[in-house]
Amino acid sequence: MNCSLQIANGSISAGEVDNQLNLLKDGTQEHISRCMMEARKLVEDIEAEEQNIDVFEKEATELLRASQKKCQEVMAQSEEEVQLCARELLTLIDSVSKFKESITSTISDMKDDYLKTVNAISEIHKSSL
């Protein structure tokens, strides 16, 4: 039977009503206490996750900065290497050009000497006839 029906019928005493009210209050207080503990635990978990996210964001930011710095260093080093290679290439092209001029001059001198030799031999042969 329900408590209000028992009171209306007079089958329950005021002491029993007080006792049931106290039990209900205790149960309610216990439920509120459990809910509060769960809420505190949730807040602690959320705060811990926020800290983890903050740490992760800081680490990601540091990694990004370090990566950007390294990228700039590598690009600068690559640019230096390209400039060095370009200078070496220009020096090599200049050397090849000078060598070509030297060889061309040597071949021209050899042709001149050859023609002189041919003319000299021709003159010697004509004079011997």
N, C-alpha and C. Protein backbone atom coordinates (compact mmCIF):
# COMPACT_ATOMS: atom_id res chain seq x y z
N MET A 1 0.82 -1.17 0.00
CA MET A 1 0.00 0.00 0.00
C MET A 1 0.87 1.24 0.00
N ASN A 2 0.43 2.23 -0.62
CA ASN A 2 1.13 3.50 -0.76
C ASN A 2 1.05 4.26 0.56
N CYS A 3 2.09 5.10 0.84
CA CYS A 3 2.24 5.81 2.12
C CYS A 3 1.08 6.78 2.35
N SER A 4 0.64 7.52 1.34
CA SER A 4 -0.45 8.50 1.51
C SER A 4 -1.77 7.78 1.80
N LEU A 5 -1.98 6.59 1.22
CA LEU A 5 -3.18 5.82 1.51
C LEU A 5 -3.15 5.29 2.93
N GLN A 6 -1.95 4.89 3.36
CA GLN A 6 -1.82 4.37 4.71
C GLN A 6 -2.08 5.47 5.74
N ILE A 7 -1.60 6.73 5.42
CA ILE A 7 -1.83 7.85 6.33
C ILE A 7 -3.33 8.17 6.36
N ALA A 8 -3.95 8.19 5.20
CA ALA A 8 -5.38 8.51 5.12
C ALA A 8 -6.20 7.46 5.86
N ASN A 9 -5.83 6.22 5.78
CA ASN A 9 -6.55 5.15 6.46
C ASN A 9 -6.21 5.10 7.94
N GLY A 10 -5.11 5.79 8.30
CA GLY A 10 -4.69 5.79 9.69
C GLY A 10 -3.97 4.54 10.08
N SER A 11 -3.54 3.75 9.09
CA SER A 11 -2.86 2.50 9.39
C SER A 11 -1.36 2.69 9.61
N ILE A 12 -0.85 3.89 9.43
CA ILE A 12 0.57 4.15 9.64
C ILE A 12 0.71 5.26 10.65
N SER A 13 1.69 5.14 11.50
CA SER A 13 1.87 6.15 12.56
C SER A 13 2.76 7.28 12.08
N ALA A 14 2.74 8.39 12.80
CA ALA A 14 3.56 9.55 12.46
C ALA A 14 5.03 9.18 12.53
N GLY A 15 5.42 8.33 13.45
CA GLY A 15 6.82 7.89 13.57
C GLY A 15 7.26 7.14 12.34
N GLU A 16 6.39 6.29 11.83
CA GLU A 16 6.72 5.54 10.62
C GLU A 16 6.84 6.47 9.42
N VAL A 17 5.97 7.48 9.37
CA VAL A 17 6.04 8.48 8.29
C VAL A 17 7.36 9.21 8.37
N ASP A 18 7.73 9.62 9.60
CA ASP A 18 9.02 10.30 9.78
C ASP A 18 10.17 9.38 9.36
N ASN A 19 10.05 8.15 9.74
CA ASN A 19 11.09 7.18 9.39
C ASN A 19 11.20 7.02 7.88
N GLN A 20 10.06 6.90 7.21
CA GLN A 20 10.08 6.77 5.74
C GLN A 20 10.60 8.04 5.08
N LEU A 21 10.20 9.21 5.66
CA LEU A 21 10.72 10.48 5.13
C LEU A 21 12.24 10.56 5.29
N ASN A 22 12.71 10.12 6.45
CA ASN A 22 14.17 10.12 6.68
C ASN A 22 14.88 9.19 5.71
N LEU A 23 14.28 8.02 5.49
CA LEU A 23 14.86 7.09 4.52
C LEU A 23 14.88 7.69 3.13
N LEU A 24 13.78 8.36 2.75
CA LEU A 24 13.70 9.02 1.45
C LEU A 24 14.73 10.12 1.35
N LYS A 25 14.88 10.92 2.42
CA LYS A 25 15.88 12.00 2.43
C LYS A 25 17.28 11.41 2.30
N ASP A 26 17.53 10.33 3.07
CA ASP A 26 18.85 9.69 3.00
C ASP A 26 19.14 9.17 1.59
N GLY A 27 18.14 8.52 1.01
CA GLY A 27 18.30 8.01 -0.36
C GLY A 27 18.55 9.13 -1.35
N THR A 28 17.79 10.22 -1.18
CA THR A 28 17.96 11.37 -2.07
C THR A 28 19.34 11.98 -1.88
N GLN A 29 19.75 12.13 -0.62
CA GLN A 29 21.06 12.70 -0.33
C GLN A 29 22.17 11.81 -0.89
N GLU A 30 22.01 10.51 -0.76
CA GLU A 30 22.98 9.56 -1.29
C GLU A 30 23.06 9.68 -2.82
N HIS A 31 21.91 9.80 -3.46
CA HIS A 31 21.87 9.95 -4.92
C HIS A 31 22.54 11.27 -5.35
N ILE A 32 22.25 12.34 -4.64
CA ILE A 32 22.85 13.64 -4.93
C ILE A 32 24.37 13.55 -4.76
N SER A 33 24.79 12.88 -3.71
CA SER A 33 26.22 12.73 -3.43
C SER A 33 26.91 11.97 -4.56
N ARG A 34 26.29 10.87 -5.02
CA ARG A 34 26.85 10.09 -6.14
C ARG A 34 26.92 10.95 -7.40
N CYS A 35 25.85 11.70 -7.65
CA CYS A 35 25.83 12.57 -8.83
C CYS A 35 26.93 13.63 -8.75
N MET A 36 27.13 14.19 -7.57
CA MET A 36 28.17 15.20 -7.38
C MET A 36 29.56 14.60 -7.61
N MET A 37 29.75 13.37 -7.10
CA MET A 37 31.04 12.71 -7.31
C MET A 37 31.27 12.44 -8.79
N GLU A 38 30.23 11.99 -9.48
CA GLU A 38 30.34 11.75 -10.91
C GLU A 38 30.63 13.05 -11.66
N ALA A 39 29.98 14.13 -11.25
CA ALA A 39 30.19 15.43 -11.89
C ALA A 39 31.63 15.90 -11.65
N ARG A 40 32.14 15.74 -10.43
CA ARG A 40 33.53 16.12 -10.14
C ARG A 40 34.50 15.30 -10.99
N LYS A 41 34.19 13.99 -11.08
CA LYS A 41 35.05 13.11 -11.89
C LYS A 41 35.04 13.55 -13.35
N LEU A 42 33.87 13.88 -13.87
CA LEU A 42 33.77 14.36 -15.25
C LEU A 42 34.56 15.66 -15.44
N VAL A 43 34.43 16.58 -14.47
CA VAL A 43 35.17 17.85 -14.55
C VAL A 43 36.67 17.57 -14.53
N GLU A 44 37.12 16.67 -13.64
CA GLU A 44 38.54 16.32 -13.58
C GLU A 44 39.00 15.71 -14.90
N ASP A 45 38.19 14.81 -15.46
CA ASP A 45 38.54 14.19 -16.75
C ASP A 45 38.64 15.24 -17.86
N ILE A 46 37.69 16.15 -17.88
CA ILE A 46 37.70 17.21 -18.91
C ILE A 46 38.92 18.10 -18.74
N GLU A 47 39.23 18.46 -17.47
CA GLU A 47 40.40 19.30 -17.23
C GLU A 47 41.68 18.57 -17.64
N ALA A 48 41.76 17.27 -17.36
CA ALA A 48 42.93 16.49 -17.77
C ALA A 48 43.05 16.46 -19.29
N GLU A 49 41.94 16.28 -19.97
CA GLU A 49 41.95 16.28 -21.44
C GLU A 49 42.34 17.65 -21.99
N GLU A 50 41.87 18.71 -21.34
CA GLU A 50 42.25 20.06 -21.77
C GLU A 50 43.75 20.25 -21.64
N GLN A 51 44.32 19.74 -20.53
CA GLN A 51 45.76 19.84 -20.34
C GLN A 51 46.49 19.04 -21.42
N ASN A 52 45.99 17.85 -21.71
CA ASN A 52 46.59 17.03 -22.76
C ASN A 52 46.54 17.75 -24.11
N ILE A 53 45.41 18.37 -24.39
CA ILE A 53 45.26 19.10 -25.66
C ILE A 53 46.22 20.29 -25.68
N ASP A 54 46.35 21.00 -24.55
CA ASP A 54 47.30 22.13 -24.48
C ASP A 54 48.72 21.66 -24.75
N VAL A 55 49.10 20.55 -24.12
CA VAL A 55 50.45 20.00 -24.33
C VAL A 55 50.62 19.62 -25.79
N PHE A 56 49.62 18.95 -26.35
CA PHE A 56 49.68 18.53 -27.76
C PHE A 56 49.81 19.74 -28.68
N GLU A 57 49.03 20.79 -28.41
CA GLU A 57 49.10 21.99 -29.24
C GLU A 57 50.48 22.64 -29.15
N LYS A 58 51.03 22.70 -27.93
CA LYS A 58 52.37 23.27 -27.77
C LYS A 58 53.41 22.46 -28.53
N GLU A 59 53.33 21.14 -28.40
CA GLU A 59 54.27 20.27 -29.10
C GLU A 59 54.12 20.42 -30.62
N ALA A 60 52.88 20.50 -31.08
CA ALA A 60 52.64 20.66 -32.52
C ALA A 60 53.18 22.00 -33.01
N THR A 61 52.99 23.05 -32.22
CA THR A 61 53.50 24.36 -32.59
C THR A 61 55.03 24.35 -32.63
N GLU A 62 55.65 23.74 -31.63
CA GLU A 62 57.11 23.65 -31.61
C GLU A 62 57.62 22.83 -32.80
N LEU A 63 56.95 21.74 -33.09
CA LEU A 63 57.35 20.91 -34.23
C LEU A 63 57.21 21.68 -35.54
N LEU A 64 56.13 22.42 -35.66
CA LEU A 64 55.92 23.22 -36.87
C LEU A 64 57.02 24.26 -37.02
N ARG A 65 57.33 24.98 -35.94
CA ARG A 65 58.40 25.99 -35.99
C ARG A 65 59.74 25.35 -36.34
N ALA A 66 60.04 24.23 -35.70
CA ALA A 66 61.32 23.55 -35.97
C ALA A 66 61.37 23.07 -37.42
N SER A 67 60.25 22.56 -37.92
CA SER A 67 60.20 22.09 -39.31
C SER A 67 60.37 23.25 -40.29
N GLN A 68 59.73 24.37 -39.99
CA GLN A 68 59.87 25.54 -40.85
C GLN A 68 61.30 26.04 -40.85
N LYS A 69 61.92 26.09 -39.67
CA LYS A 69 63.31 26.53 -39.58
C LYS A 69 64.22 25.59 -40.36
N LYS A 70 64.02 24.28 -40.18
CA LYS A 70 64.84 23.29 -40.89
C LYS A 70 64.63 23.43 -42.40
N CYS A 71 63.40 23.65 -42.81
CA CYS A 71 63.09 23.82 -44.23
C CYS A 71 63.84 25.03 -44.78
N GLN A 72 63.83 26.13 -44.04
CA GLN A 72 64.54 27.34 -44.48
C GLN A 72 66.04 27.08 -44.56
N GLU A 73 66.58 26.36 -43.58
CA GLU A 73 68.00 26.03 -43.60
C GLU A 73 68.35 25.17 -44.81
N VAL A 74 67.52 24.17 -45.06
CA VAL A 74 67.76 23.27 -46.20
C VAL A 74 67.66 24.05 -47.52
N MET A 75 66.66 24.95 -47.60
CA MET A 75 66.52 25.74 -48.82
C MET A 75 67.73 26.64 -49.02
N ALA A 76 68.22 27.27 -47.94
CA ALA A 76 69.39 28.13 -48.04
C ALA A 76 70.61 27.31 -48.45
N GLN A 77 70.76 26.14 -47.85
CA GLN A 77 71.88 25.27 -48.20
C GLN A 77 71.78 24.82 -49.66
N SER A 78 70.57 24.47 -50.09
CA SER A 78 70.38 24.07 -51.48
C SER A 78 70.71 25.21 -52.43
N GLU A 79 70.30 26.42 -52.06
CA GLU A 79 70.59 27.59 -52.89
C GLU A 79 72.10 27.80 -52.99
N GLU A 80 72.80 27.65 -51.87
CA GLU A 80 74.26 27.77 -51.88
C GLU A 80 74.89 26.71 -52.80
N GLU A 81 74.39 25.47 -52.69
CA GLU A 81 74.92 24.40 -53.52
C GLU A 81 74.64 24.67 -55.00
N VAL A 82 73.45 25.19 -55.31
CA VAL A 82 73.12 25.52 -56.70
C VAL A 82 74.06 26.61 -57.21
N GLN A 83 74.29 27.63 -56.38
CA GLN A 83 75.21 28.71 -56.77
C GLN A 83 76.62 28.16 -57.00
N LEU A 84 77.07 27.29 -56.12
CA LEU A 84 78.39 26.69 -56.25
C LEU A 84 78.48 25.87 -57.54
N CYS A 85 77.47 25.07 -57.78
CA CYS A 85 77.44 24.26 -59.01
C CYS A 85 77.40 25.15 -60.25
N ALA A 86 76.64 26.23 -60.19
CA ALA A 86 76.55 27.15 -61.32
C ALA A 86 77.92 27.77 -61.59
N ARG A 87 78.63 28.18 -60.52
CA ARG A 87 79.98 28.75 -60.71
C ARG A 87 80.92 27.71 -61.31
N GLU A 88 80.83 26.48 -60.79
CA GLU A 88 81.68 25.41 -61.34
C GLU A 88 81.37 25.15 -62.81
N LEU A 89 80.08 25.17 -63.14
CA LEU A 89 79.68 24.95 -64.54
C LEU A 89 80.20 26.07 -65.43
N LEU A 90 80.07 27.32 -64.98
CA LEU A 90 80.57 28.44 -65.78
C LEU A 90 82.09 28.36 -65.94
N THR A 91 82.78 27.97 -64.87
CA THR A 91 84.24 27.79 -64.96
C THR A 91 84.59 26.70 -65.96
N LEU A 92 83.85 25.61 -65.91
CA LEU A 92 84.08 24.50 -66.85
C LEU A 92 83.80 24.93 -68.29
N ILE A 93 82.70 25.64 -68.49
CA ILE A 93 82.37 26.13 -69.84
C ILE A 93 83.47 27.07 -70.34
N ASP A 94 83.95 27.94 -69.46
CA ASP A 94 85.03 28.86 -69.83
C ASP A 94 86.29 28.07 -70.19
N SER A 95 86.61 27.05 -69.38
CA SER A 95 87.79 26.21 -69.67
C SER A 95 87.65 25.50 -71.01
N VAL A 96 86.48 24.95 -71.27
CA VAL A 96 86.25 24.25 -72.55
C VAL A 96 86.37 25.23 -73.71
N SER A 97 85.82 26.43 -73.53
CA SER A 97 85.90 27.44 -74.58
C SER A 97 87.35 27.82 -74.85
N LYS A 98 88.12 28.03 -73.78
CA LYS A 98 89.55 28.37 -73.95
C LYS A 98 90.30 27.21 -74.59
N PHE A 99 89.98 25.98 -74.18
CA PHE A 99 90.63 24.82 -74.78
C PHE A 99 90.30 24.73 -76.27
N LYS A 100 89.05 24.99 -76.62
CA LYS A 100 88.64 24.97 -78.03
C LYS A 100 89.42 26.01 -78.82
N GLU A 101 89.54 27.21 -78.26
CA GLU A 101 90.32 28.26 -78.93
C GLU A 101 91.77 27.82 -79.11
N SER A 102 92.33 27.21 -78.06
CA SER A 102 93.72 26.75 -78.12
C SER A 102 93.89 25.66 -79.18
N ILE A 103 92.98 24.71 -79.19
CA ILE A 103 93.04 23.63 -80.19
C ILE A 103 92.87 24.18 -81.60
N THR A 104 91.92 25.10 -81.76
CA THR A 104 91.70 25.71 -83.08
C THR A 104 92.96 26.43 -83.54
N SER A 105 93.58 27.17 -82.63
CA SER A 105 94.82 27.88 -82.96
C SER A 105 95.93 26.89 -83.31
N THR A 106 96.06 25.82 -82.52
CA THR A 106 97.08 24.80 -82.77
C THR A 106 96.85 24.14 -84.13
N ILE A 107 95.60 23.81 -84.43
CA ILE A 107 95.29 23.19 -85.73
C ILE A 107 95.60 24.16 -86.86
N SER A 108 95.29 25.42 -86.69
CA SER A 108 95.58 26.43 -87.70
C SER A 108 97.09 26.55 -87.91
N ASP A 109 97.84 26.58 -86.81
CA ASP A 109 99.30 26.64 -86.92
C ASP A 109 99.84 25.40 -87.62
N MET A 110 99.26 24.23 -87.31
CA MET A 110 99.70 22.99 -87.95
C MET A 110 99.41 23.02 -89.44
N LYS A 111 98.24 23.57 -89.82
CA LYS A 111 97.90 23.68 -91.25
C LYS A 111 98.89 24.59 -91.96
N ASP A 112 99.19 25.73 -91.29
CA ASP A 112 100.17 26.66 -91.88
C ASP A 112 101.52 25.98 -92.06
N ASP A 113 101.99 25.27 -91.02
CA ASP A 113 103.27 24.55 -91.11
C ASP A 113 103.21 23.48 -92.19
N TYR A 114 102.07 22.80 -92.29
CA TYR A 114 101.90 21.76 -93.32
C TYR A 114 102.01 22.37 -94.71
N LEU A 115 101.29 23.48 -94.90
CA LEU A 115 101.34 24.13 -96.22
C LEU A 115 102.75 24.63 -96.54
N LYS A 116 103.44 25.18 -95.56
CA LYS A 116 104.82 25.61 -95.77
C LYS A 116 105.70 24.44 -96.15
N THR A 117 105.50 23.33 -95.43
CA THR A 117 106.29 22.13 -95.71
C THR A 117 106.00 21.61 -97.11
N VAL A 118 104.72 21.59 -97.48
CA VAL A 118 104.33 21.12 -98.83
C VAL A 118 104.96 22.04 -99.87
N ASN A 119 104.88 23.35 -99.66
CA ASN A 119 105.48 24.29 -100.62
C ASN A 119 106.99 24.12 -100.70
N ALA A 120 107.63 23.91 -99.55
CA ALA A 120 109.08 23.73 -99.54
C ALA A 120 109.46 22.48 -100.28
N ILE A 121 108.73 21.40 -100.05
CA ILE A 121 109.01 20.13 -100.74
C ILE A 121 108.76 20.32 -102.22
N SER A 122 107.71 21.02 -102.57
CA SER A 122 107.39 21.27 -103.98
C SER A 122 108.49 22.07 -104.64
N GLU A 123 109.00 23.07 -103.96
CA GLU A 123 110.10 23.88 -104.52
C GLU A 123 111.35 23.07 -104.68
N ILE A 124 111.65 22.23 -103.67
CA ILE A 124 112.83 21.36 -103.76
C ILE A 124 112.66 20.40 -104.92
N HIS A 125 111.50 19.87 -105.09
CA HIS A 125 111.27 18.93 -106.18
C HIS A 125 111.38 19.64 -107.53
N LYS A 126 110.85 20.82 -107.66
CA LYS A 126 110.92 21.58 -108.93
C LYS A 126 112.38 21.93 -109.24
N SER A 127 113.11 22.29 -108.24
CA SER A 127 114.52 22.67 -108.48
C SER A 127 115.38 21.47 -108.82
N SER A 128 114.98 20.32 -108.40
CA SER A 128 115.76 19.12 -108.72
C SER A 128 115.46 18.62 -110.12
N LEU A 129 114.47 19.11 -110.75
CA LEU A 129 114.13 18.64 -112.08
C LEU A 129 114.88 19.33 -113.12
